[in-house]
């Protein structure tokens, strides 16, 4: 069994840490944060509305990418709020 499969908390912690580090070195525009948030929300929403089991399995990565982006944006935003 893979390490990331055994530790789901680590899979959520990884994009959070990446977002904090990304905040330190790269400045994103406000509209790009909103666009990434909208993209992550759409990915999670699309994965929720897929009802055919064959397609649920085939597109299961949409939910993971959406959550990854959401955690990344959340940590980027919280880092900016903490600095103010």
C-alpha atoms as a PDB file:
ATOM      1  CA  UNK A   1       0.000   0.000   0.000  1.00  0.00           C
ATOM      2  CA  UNK A   2       1.281   3.442  -0.930  1.00  0.00           C
ATOM      3  CA  UNK A   3       2.231   5.975   1.747  1.00  0.00           C
ATOM      4  CA  UNK A   4      -0.218   8.591   0.439  1.00  0.00           C
ATOM      5  CA  UNK A   5      -3.055   6.057   0.456  1.00  0.00           C
ATOM      6  CA  UNK A   6      -2.398   5.162   4.071  1.00  0.00           C
ATOM      7  CA  UNK A   7      -2.185   8.774   5.265  1.00  0.00           C
ATOM      8  CA  UNK A   8      -5.067  10.873   3.900  1.00  0.00           C
ATOM      9  CA  UNK A   9      -4.201  13.770   6.230  1.00  0.00           C
ATOM     10  CA  UNK A  10      -0.833  14.094   4.527  1.00  0.00           C
ATOM     11  CA  UNK A  11      -2.549  14.375   1.149  1.00  0.00           C
ATOM     12  CA  UNK A  12      -4.432  17.421   2.483  1.00  0.00           C
ATOM     13  CA  UNK A  13      -1.410  18.842   4.276  1.00  0.00           C
ATOM     14  CA  UNK A  14       0.780  18.778   1.182  1.00  0.00           C
ATOM     15  CA  UNK A  15      -1.176  21.397  -0.869  1.00  0.00           C
ATOM     16  CA  UNK A  16      -1.540  23.491   2.277  1.00  0.00           C
ATOM     17  CA  UNK A  17       2.237  23.623   2.747  1.00  0.00           C
ATOM     18  CA  UNK A  18       2.773  24.267  -0.968  1.00  0.00           C
ATOM     19  CA  UNK A  19       0.353  27.207  -0.810  1.00  0.00           C
ATOM     20  CA  UNK A  20       2.220  28.770   2.114  1.00  0.00           C
ATOM     21  CA  UNK A  21       5.577  28.389   0.372  1.00  0.00           C
ATOM     22  CA  UNK A  22       4.078  29.680  -2.883  1.00  0.00           C
ATOM     23  CA  UNK A  23       2.853  32.801  -1.053  1.00  0.00           C
ATOM     24  CA  UNK A  24       6.384  33.577   0.097  1.00  0.00           C
ATOM     25  CA  UNK A  25       7.866  33.549  -3.407  1.00  0.00           C
ATOM     26  CA  UNK A  26       5.080  34.302  -5.915  1.00  0.00           C
ATOM     27  CA  UNK A  27       2.544  37.097  -5.837  1.00  0.00           C
ATOM     28  CA  UNK A  28      -0.778  36.178  -7.428  1.00  0.00           C
ATOM     29  CA  UNK A  29      -3.306  38.721  -8.584  1.00  0.00           C
ATOM     30  CA  UNK A  30      -6.612  38.855  -6.731  1.00  0.00           C
ATOM     31  CA  UNK A  31      -8.584  37.853  -9.831  1.00  0.00           C
ATOM     32  CA  UNK A  32      -6.393  34.798 -10.355  1.00  0.00           C
ATOM     33  CA  UNK A  33      -7.199  33.607  -6.820  1.00  0.00           C
ATOM     34  CA  UNK A  34     -10.896  33.960  -7.568  1.00  0.00           C
ATOM     35  CA  UNK A  35     -10.480  32.131 -10.876  1.00  0.00           C
ATOM     36  CA  UNK A  36      -8.635  29.254  -9.177  1.00  0.00           C
ATOM     37  CA  UNK A  37     -11.293  29.101  -6.478  1.00  0.00           C
ATOM     38  CA  UNK A  38     -14.026  28.973  -9.111  1.00  0.00           C
ATOM     39  CA  UNK A  39     -12.139  26.259 -10.990  1.00  0.00           C
ATOM     40  CA  UNK A  40     -11.727  24.157  -7.849  1.00  0.00           C
ATOM     41  CA  UNK A  41     -15.394  24.590  -6.978  1.00  0.00           C
ATOM     42  CA  UNK A  42     -16.414  23.544 -10.505  1.00  0.00           C
ATOM     43  CA  UNK A  43     -14.184  20.458 -10.398  1.00  0.00           C
ATOM     44  CA  UNK A  44     -15.715  19.309  -7.129  1.00  0.00           C
ATOM     45  CA  UNK A  45     -19.218  20.089  -8.373  1.00  0.00           C
ATOM     46  CA  UNK A  46     -18.744  18.206 -11.656  1.00  0.00           C
ATOM     47  CA  UNK A  47     -17.408  15.169  -9.817  1.00  0.00           C
ATOM     48  CA  UNK A  48     -20.490  15.271  -7.585  1.00  0.00           C
ATOM     49  CA  UNK A  49     -22.960  15.269 -10.489  1.00  0.00           C
ATOM     50  CA  UNK A  50     -21.426  12.330 -12.372  1.00  0.00           C
ATOM     51  CA  UNK A  51     -23.809   9.471 -11.604  1.00  0.00           C
ATOM     52  CA  UNK A  52     -22.819   6.674 -14.010  1.00  0.00           C
ATOM     53  CA  UNK A  53     -20.446   4.337 -12.106  1.00  0.00           C
ATOM     54  CA  UNK A  54     -18.131   3.851 -15.091  1.00  0.00           C
ATOM     55  CA  UNK A  55     -17.626   7.592 -15.404  1.00  0.00           C
ATOM     56  CA  UNK A  56     -17.395   8.085 -11.643  1.00  0.00           C
ATOM     57  CA  UNK A  57     -14.356   5.837 -11.587  1.00  0.00           C
ATOM     58  CA  UNK A  58     -12.921   7.289 -14.771  1.00  0.00           C
ATOM     59  CA  UNK A  59     -13.164  10.894 -13.541  1.00  0.00           C
ATOM     60  CA  UNK A  60     -12.419  10.391  -9.841  1.00  0.00           C
ATOM     61  CA  UNK A  61      -9.328  12.572 -10.242  1.00  0.00           C
ATOM     62  CA  UNK A  62     -11.577  15.658 -10.691  1.00  0.00           C
ATOM     63  CA  UNK A  63     -12.533  15.628  -7.019  1.00  0.00           C
ATOM     64  CA  UNK A  64      -8.904  15.219  -5.935  1.00  0.00           C
ATOM     65  CA  UNK A  65      -7.717  18.084  -8.130  1.00  0.00           C
ATOM     66  CA  UNK A  66     -10.545  20.285  -6.905  1.00  0.00           C
ATOM     67  CA  UNK A  67      -9.722  19.649  -3.243  1.00  0.00           C
ATOM     68  CA  UNK A  68      -5.997  20.110  -3.925  1.00  0.00           C
ATOM     69  CA  UNK A  69      -6.667  23.508  -5.524  1.00  0.00           C
ATOM     70  CA  UNK A  70      -9.048  24.490  -2.745  1.00  0.00           C
ATOM     71  CA  UNK A  71      -6.493  23.702  -0.035  1.00  0.00           C
ATOM     72  CA  UNK A  72      -3.782  25.520  -1.997  1.00  0.00           C
ATOM     73  CA  UNK A  73      -5.916  28.672  -2.370  1.00  0.00           C
ATOM     74  CA  UNK A  74      -7.025  28.534   1.254  1.00  0.00           C
ATOM     75  CA  UNK A  75      -3.449  28.409   2.522  1.00  0.00           C
ATOM     76  CA  UNK A  76      -2.342  31.144   0.112  1.00  0.00           C
ATOM     77  CA  UNK A  77      -5.173  33.384   1.292  1.00  0.00           C
ATOM     78  CA  UNK A  78      -4.604  32.631   4.995  1.00  0.00           C
ATOM     79  CA  UNK A  79      -0.885  33.390   4.637  1.00  0.00           C
ATOM     80  CA  UNK A  80      -1.745  36.773   3.181  1.00  0.00           C
ATOM     81  CA  UNK A  81      -4.228  37.513   5.970  1.00  0.00           C
ATOM     82  CA  UNK A  82      -1.727  36.469   8.631  1.00  0.00           C
ATOM     83  CA  UNK A  83       0.905  38.852   7.244  1.00  0.00           C
ATOM     84  CA  UNK A  84      -1.349  41.921   7.370  1.00  0.00           C
END
